Amino acid sequence: MFLAGLCAANAAFASELTCDPARIDRDSYRLTTEAQALNVTAQRTSWWDGFNLGKQEAALADLNVDATFLAERALELDPRNLMGHAILARQFLIDGNAEAAEAAWAATLDGGGAVVWTATLYDVDARTYFVVAFDRQAIRVYRFGQLAGVYKKARGGVPEIPGPAATRLWSGLGGCLDATIVPEASVPWSDVKEIKAGNWVLWFKLARPVTIANDHGKRKTLDEIKVNLHGRTGTIEVYKPVGEDHLETRGRGPTGYQDMVRRVMVKLVDPEKRIALPPIKPGVGW
């Protein structure tokens, strides 16, 4: 793939990568901020699609294809745009391309950036989003409102993703986090003992507990962070219960995605292989 080679080449001159809008081609910068915002917030489903079990999965797939394309085009215009590399580091994992993801991660981290997701921390609040950043030194957890500002709530009580005007959010999701914002928690990689992969989440087992609060003041002290990194959904499986004559459905999470994320991640941040990666045991539940 063209971009895999481009990311690998740029890892060699990471010092030229930048988050500075004044040093990035204007159209390239807009493709990694404004265009990404418009892509994520585009209306792809309706209320009626809640009755179509495959519609949400297809809509998310379209979103991810477009996000990858926009970042690729941004780097064609200006390979120095660190946000293009950081977005691809995330998107290649969502797309299931581990080799390209590793090259993009290397370019991003060597350039001083982070690979960033919106996420749900279920042990803090299942209806609150966070922003979780992975850089060379640490895992950093931000309240969603720290980057998004004041936001509305969407259906189900979860945050409504704001549009292009939320510049700190979109540049942050491109790996360029505002250094003046103090994260809710910062966990150095030396404090991460284990990363376990499940159907829907990753568990980061810590040597020392951290305290994390959501945007509404709900606070939890955790020695293990259970996190769903947004971007992939599961599949609907039809099965026949034992001893029954009817069919039922159940969701299966993207276990392979969770496993790929942790393996690419630790290869870049834990060359000593100190962090344990227990075997995955997919089943029902998390």
Protein backbone atom coordinates (compact mmCIF):
# COMPACT_ATOMS: atom_id res chain seq x y z
CA MET A 1 0.00 0.00 0.00
CA PHE A 2 1.28 3.44 -0.95
CA LEU A 3 0.79 4.99 2.48
CA ALA A 4 2.56 2.19 4.33
CA GLY A 5 5.71 3.03 2.40
CA LEU A 6 5.19 6.73 2.94
CA CYS A 7 4.81 6.30 6.71
CA ALA A 8 7.92 4.14 6.88
CA ALA A 9 9.92 6.71 4.91
CA ASN A 10 8.78 9.57 7.12
CA ALA A 11 9.83 7.73 10.26
CA ALA A 12 13.39 8.42 9.11
CA PHE A 13 12.93 12.20 9.31
CA ALA A 14 10.52 12.49 12.20
CA SER A 15 12.07 15.80 13.23
CA GLU A 16 10.35 17.40 10.23
CA LEU A 17 6.87 16.34 11.33
CA THR A 18 4.88 19.14 12.88
CA CYS A 19 1.56 20.09 14.49
CA ASP A 20 2.05 23.78 13.70
CA PRO A 21 -0.69 24.99 11.31
CA ALA A 22 1.65 27.71 10.06
CA ARG A 23 4.12 25.06 8.82
CA ILE A 24 1.58 22.66 7.30
CA ASP A 25 0.05 23.01 3.86
CA ARG A 26 -3.35 24.65 4.41
CA ASP A 27 -5.37 22.02 2.57
CA SER A 28 -3.47 19.20 4.27
CA TYR A 29 -4.19 20.73 7.66
CA ARG A 30 -7.90 21.10 6.87
CA LEU A 31 -8.12 17.46 5.75
CA THR A 32 -6.87 16.30 9.16
CA THR A 33 -9.07 18.62 11.21
CA GLU A 34 -12.12 20.18 9.56
CA ALA A 35 -12.70 17.38 7.05
CA GLN A 36 -12.28 14.69 9.71
CA ALA A 37 -14.82 16.49 11.89
CA LEU A 38 -17.34 16.70 9.05
CA ASN A 39 -16.78 13.04 8.24
CA VAL A 40 -17.34 11.84 11.81
CA THR A 41 -20.41 14.02 12.41
CA ALA A 42 -22.09 13.31 9.05
CA GLN A 43 -25.60 11.86 9.38
CA ARG A 44 -25.40 8.30 8.08
CA THR A 45 -28.33 6.67 9.86
CA SER A 46 -31.86 7.52 10.92
CA TRP A 47 -34.07 6.53 13.83
CA TRP A 48 -35.56 3.73 11.72
CA ASP A 49 -32.12 2.20 11.19
CA GLY A 50 -32.23 1.07 14.81
CA PHE A 51 -34.37 -1.81 13.51
CA ASN A 52 -31.78 -2.73 10.85
CA LEU A 53 -29.11 -4.72 12.65
CA GLY A 54 -26.50 -4.31 9.91
CA LYS A 55 -26.96 -0.61 9.19
CA GLN A 56 -24.87 0.71 12.10
CA GLU A 57 -21.96 -1.55 11.20
CA ALA A 58 -22.08 -0.45 7.56
CA ALA A 59 -22.26 3.23 8.52
CA LEU A 60 -19.21 2.91 10.77
CA ALA A 61 -17.33 1.12 8.00
CA ASP A 62 -18.08 4.03 5.63
CA LEU A 63 -16.88 6.52 8.25
CA ASN A 64 -13.58 4.65 8.67
CA VAL A 65 -12.96 4.33 4.93
CA ASP A 66 -13.43 8.07 4.53
CA ALA A 67 -11.25 8.88 7.57
CA THR A 68 -8.39 6.82 6.14
CA PHE A 69 -8.75 8.38 2.69
CA LEU A 70 -8.72 11.93 4.09
CA ALA A 71 -5.53 11.27 6.09
CA GLU A 72 -3.83 9.64 3.11
CA ARG A 73 -4.67 12.62 0.92
CA ALA A 74 -3.42 15.01 3.60
CA LEU A 75 -0.02 13.31 3.60
CA GLU A 76 0.15 13.36 -0.17
CA LEU A 77 -0.20 17.14 0.05
CA ASP A 78 2.23 17.53 2.98
CA PRO A 79 4.13 14.57 4.49
CA ARG A 80 5.19 16.82 7.42
CA ASN A 81 1.63 16.89 8.77
CA LEU A 82 1.98 14.86 11.97
CA MET A 83 -1.80 14.59 12.27
CA GLY A 84 -1.98 12.60 9.05
CA HIS A 85 0.38 9.98 10.46
CA ALA A 86 -1.38 9.85 13.83
CA ILE A 87 -4.81 9.42 12.26
CA LEU A 88 -3.51 6.63 10.05
CA ALA A 89 -1.86 4.95 13.04
CA ARG A 90 -5.34 4.64 14.52
CA GLN A 91 -7.24 4.00 11.30
CA PHE A 92 -4.92 1.27 10.00
CA LEU A 93 -5.60 -0.66 13.21
CA ILE A 94 -9.34 -0.16 12.79
CA ASP A 95 -8.95 -1.34 9.18
CA GLY A 96 -7.01 -4.42 10.34
CA ASN A 97 -3.71 -3.49 8.64
CA ALA A 98 -1.10 -4.15 11.34
CA GLU A 99 1.97 -3.64 9.15
CA ALA A 100 0.89 -0.21 7.93
CA ALA A 101 -0.27 0.71 11.43
CA GLU A 102 3.15 -0.07 12.90
CA ALA A 103 4.87 2.22 10.40
CA ALA A 104 2.40 5.02 11.13
CA TRP A 105 2.81 4.55 14.90
CA ALA A 106 6.59 4.76 14.55
CA ALA A 107 6.37 7.98 12.53
CA THR A 108 3.90 9.53 14.98
CA LEU A 109 5.75 8.64 18.19
CA ASP A 110 9.17 9.49 16.75
CA GLY A 111 7.74 12.84 15.72
CA GLY A 112 6.66 13.59 19.29
CA GLY A 113 2.96 12.97 18.74
CA ALA A 114 0.42 10.54 20.16
CA VAL A 115 -2.06 8.02 18.79
CA VAL A 116 -5.45 9.08 20.12
CA TRP A 117 -8.95 7.63 20.41
CA THR A 118 -12.25 8.71 21.84
CA ALA A 119 -13.09 6.00 24.35
CA THR A 120 -15.48 4.69 26.97
CA LEU A 121 -14.11 3.84 30.41
CA TYR A 122 -16.83 1.56 31.71
CA ASP A 123 -15.58 1.47 35.29
CA VAL A 124 -15.90 5.26 35.47
CA ASP A 125 -19.09 5.94 33.47
CA ALA A 126 -20.55 4.00 30.55
CA ARG A 127 -22.30 7.12 29.21
CA THR A 128 -19.34 9.48 29.28
CA TYR A 129 -16.63 9.70 26.65
CA PHE A 130 -12.97 10.23 27.32
CA VAL A 131 -10.01 10.95 25.06
CA VAL A 132 -7.17 8.47 25.52
CA ALA A 133 -3.73 9.24 24.07
CA PHE A 134 -0.78 6.88 23.74
CA ASP A 135 2.62 8.48 23.27
CA ARG A 136 6.19 7.31 23.75
CA GLN A 137 6.17 8.05 27.50
CA ALA A 138 2.70 7.34 28.82
CA ILE A 139 -1.02 6.70 28.53
CA ARG A 140 -2.87 9.98 29.04
CA VAL A 141 -6.58 10.12 29.83
CA TYR A 142 -8.54 13.34 29.25
CA ARG A 143 -12.12 14.18 30.03
CA PHE A 144 -14.03 14.62 26.78
CA GLY A 145 -15.06 18.12 27.77
CA GLN A 146 -11.44 19.19 28.26
CA LEU A 147 -10.95 18.99 24.50
CA ALA A 148 -14.48 19.31 23.15
CA GLY A 149 -15.59 22.19 25.37
CA VAL A 150 -19.27 22.45 26.26
CA TYR A 151 -21.16 19.73 24.39
CA LYS A 152 -24.70 18.44 23.99
CA LYS A 153 -25.88 14.94 24.79
CA ALA A 154 -27.03 12.63 22.02
CA ARG A 155 -29.56 9.80 22.13
CA GLY A 156 -28.86 7.47 25.04
CA GLY A 157 -27.21 10.22 27.07
CA VAL A 158 -23.77 9.90 25.48
CA PRO A 159 -21.93 13.03 24.29
CA GLU A 160 -22.78 14.49 20.91
CA ILE A 161 -19.57 14.83 18.90
CA PRO A 162 -19.04 18.53 18.05
CA GLY A 163 -18.16 19.81 14.61
CA PRO A 164 -15.08 21.54 13.16
CA ALA A 165 -15.30 24.50 15.56
CA ALA A 166 -13.96 22.25 18.35
CA THR A 167 -10.41 22.67 17.08
CA ARG A 168 -8.70 21.35 20.23
CA LEU A 169 -10.65 18.11 19.95
CA TRP A 170 -9.89 17.49 16.28
CA SER A 171 -6.22 18.42 16.46
CA GLY A 172 -6.02 16.30 19.63
CA LEU A 173 -7.55 13.30 17.86
CA GLY A 174 -4.86 13.90 15.25
CA GLY A 175 -2.18 13.35 17.87
CA CYS A 176 -1.50 17.04 18.48
CA LEU A 177 -2.76 17.62 22.02
CA ASP A 178 -2.81 21.07 23.59
CA ALA A 179 0.10 21.00 26.04
CA THR A 180 -1.69 23.42 28.37
CA ILE A 181 -4.40 20.85 29.12
CA VAL A 182 -3.57 18.69 32.14
CA PRO A 183 -4.86 15.12 31.66
CA GLU A 184 -7.11 13.49 34.24
CA ALA A 185 -4.55 10.70 34.52
CA SER A 186 -1.09 10.10 33.15
CA VAL A 187 0.24 6.56 33.43
CA PRO A 188 3.89 6.00 32.46
CA TRP A 189 4.46 2.82 30.53
CA SER A 190 6.68 1.62 33.37
CA ASP A 191 3.50 1.43 35.51
CA VAL A 192 1.64 -0.78 33.02
CA LYS A 193 2.05 -4.40 34.09
CA GLU A 194 -0.33 -6.15 31.70
CA ILE A 195 -2.68 -5.49 28.78
CA LYS A 196 -5.48 -8.01 28.37
CA ALA A 197 -7.70 -8.12 25.27
CA GLY A 198 -11.39 -9.00 25.34
CA ASN A 199 -14.31 -8.90 22.95
CA TRP A 200 -15.03 -5.22 23.45
CA VAL A 201 -12.32 -3.77 25.66
CA LEU A 202 -8.68 -3.67 26.66
CA TRP A 203 -7.70 -3.96 30.32
CA PHE A 204 -4.58 -2.03 31.36
CA LYS A 205 -3.38 -3.47 34.67
CA LEU A 206 -1.41 -0.86 36.62
CA ALA A 207 1.32 -1.02 39.23
CA ARG A 208 -0.22 1.98 41.02
CA PRO A 209 -3.86 3.10 41.10
CA VAL A 210 -5.05 6.26 39.34
CA THR A 211 -8.08 8.44 40.01
CA ILE A 212 -10.18 9.49 37.01
CA ALA A 213 -13.22 11.79 36.98
CA ASN A 214 -15.74 12.31 34.20
CA ASP A 215 -17.17 15.63 33.02
CA HIS A 216 -19.87 15.50 35.69
CA GLY A 217 -17.59 14.98 38.68
CA LYS A 218 -18.07 11.23 39.04
CA ARG A 219 -14.73 9.90 40.25
CA LYS A 220 -13.22 6.42 40.45
CA THR A 221 -9.88 5.14 41.69
CA LEU A 222 -8.70 2.23 39.55
CA ASP A 223 -5.78 -0.16 39.47
CA GLU A 224 -7.02 -1.51 36.14
CA ILE A 225 -8.43 0.64 33.32
CA LYS A 226 -11.10 -1.10 31.24
CA VAL A 227 -11.32 0.86 28.01
CA ASN A 228 -13.26 0.59 24.78
CA LEU A 229 -11.33 2.40 22.06
CA HIS A 230 -13.97 3.60 19.61
CA GLY A 231 -13.78 2.74 15.94
CA ARG A 232 -14.79 -0.89 15.55
CA THR A 233 -18.08 -2.57 16.26
CA GLY A 234 -18.94 -6.22 16.56
CA THR A 235 -21.08 -8.55 14.49
CA ILE A 236 -24.48 -10.12 15.04
CA GLU A 237 -24.35 -13.90 15.34
CA VAL A 238 -27.43 -16.07 14.82
CA TYR A 239 -27.46 -19.30 16.81
CA LYS A 240 -29.80 -22.03 18.03
CA PRO A 241 -29.87 -22.39 21.82
CA VAL A 242 -29.27 -25.91 23.08
CA GLY A 243 -32.58 -27.72 23.56
CA GLU A 244 -34.61 -24.99 21.86
CA ASP A 245 -36.38 -24.92 18.49
CA HIS A 246 -36.02 -21.20 17.81
CA LEU A 247 -33.10 -19.03 16.72
CA GLU A 248 -31.62 -16.20 18.73
CA THR A 249 -29.00 -13.52 18.10
CA ARG A 250 -26.04 -12.32 20.12
CA GLY A 251 -23.31 -9.77 19.59
CA ARG A 252 -19.69 -10.75 19.13
CA GLY A 253 -17.06 -8.11 19.77
CA PRO A 254 -14.07 -7.37 17.51
CA THR A 255 -11.57 -9.39 19.57
CA GLY A 256 -9.00 -9.37 16.79
CA TYR A 257 -9.02 -5.57 16.78
CA GLN A 258 -8.33 -5.44 20.52
CA ASP A 259 -5.47 -7.89 20.17
CA MET A 260 -3.94 -6.04 17.22
CA VAL A 261 -4.07 -2.71 19.05
CA ARG A 262 -2.20 -4.00 22.09
CA ARG A 263 0.42 -5.88 20.06
CA VAL A 264 1.28 -2.98 17.76
CA MET A 265 1.25 -0.62 20.73
CA VAL A 266 3.65 -2.57 22.94
CA LYS A 267 6.05 -3.16 20.07
CA LEU A 268 6.61 0.59 19.92
CA VAL A 269 6.47 1.52 23.62
CA ASP A 270 7.82 -1.63 25.31
CA PRO A 271 10.82 -2.95 23.35
CA GLU A 272 12.02 -4.77 26.49
CA LYS A 273 8.80 -6.84 26.41
CA ARG A 274 8.13 -6.13 30.05
CA ILE A 275 4.35 -5.73 29.66
CA ALA A 276 2.49 -9.05 29.79
CA LEU A 277 -0.02 -9.90 27.05
CA PRO A 278 -2.20 -12.76 28.27
CA PRO A 279 -3.71 -15.05 25.59
CA ILE A 280 -7.12 -13.95 24.35
CA LYS A 281 -10.07 -16.16 25.29
CA PRO A 282 -13.02 -14.98 23.24
CA GLY A 283 -16.44 -15.87 24.54
CA VAL A 284 -19.55 -14.05 25.64
CA GLY A 285 -19.31 -10.84 27.66
CA TRP A 286 -16.43 -8.40 27.72
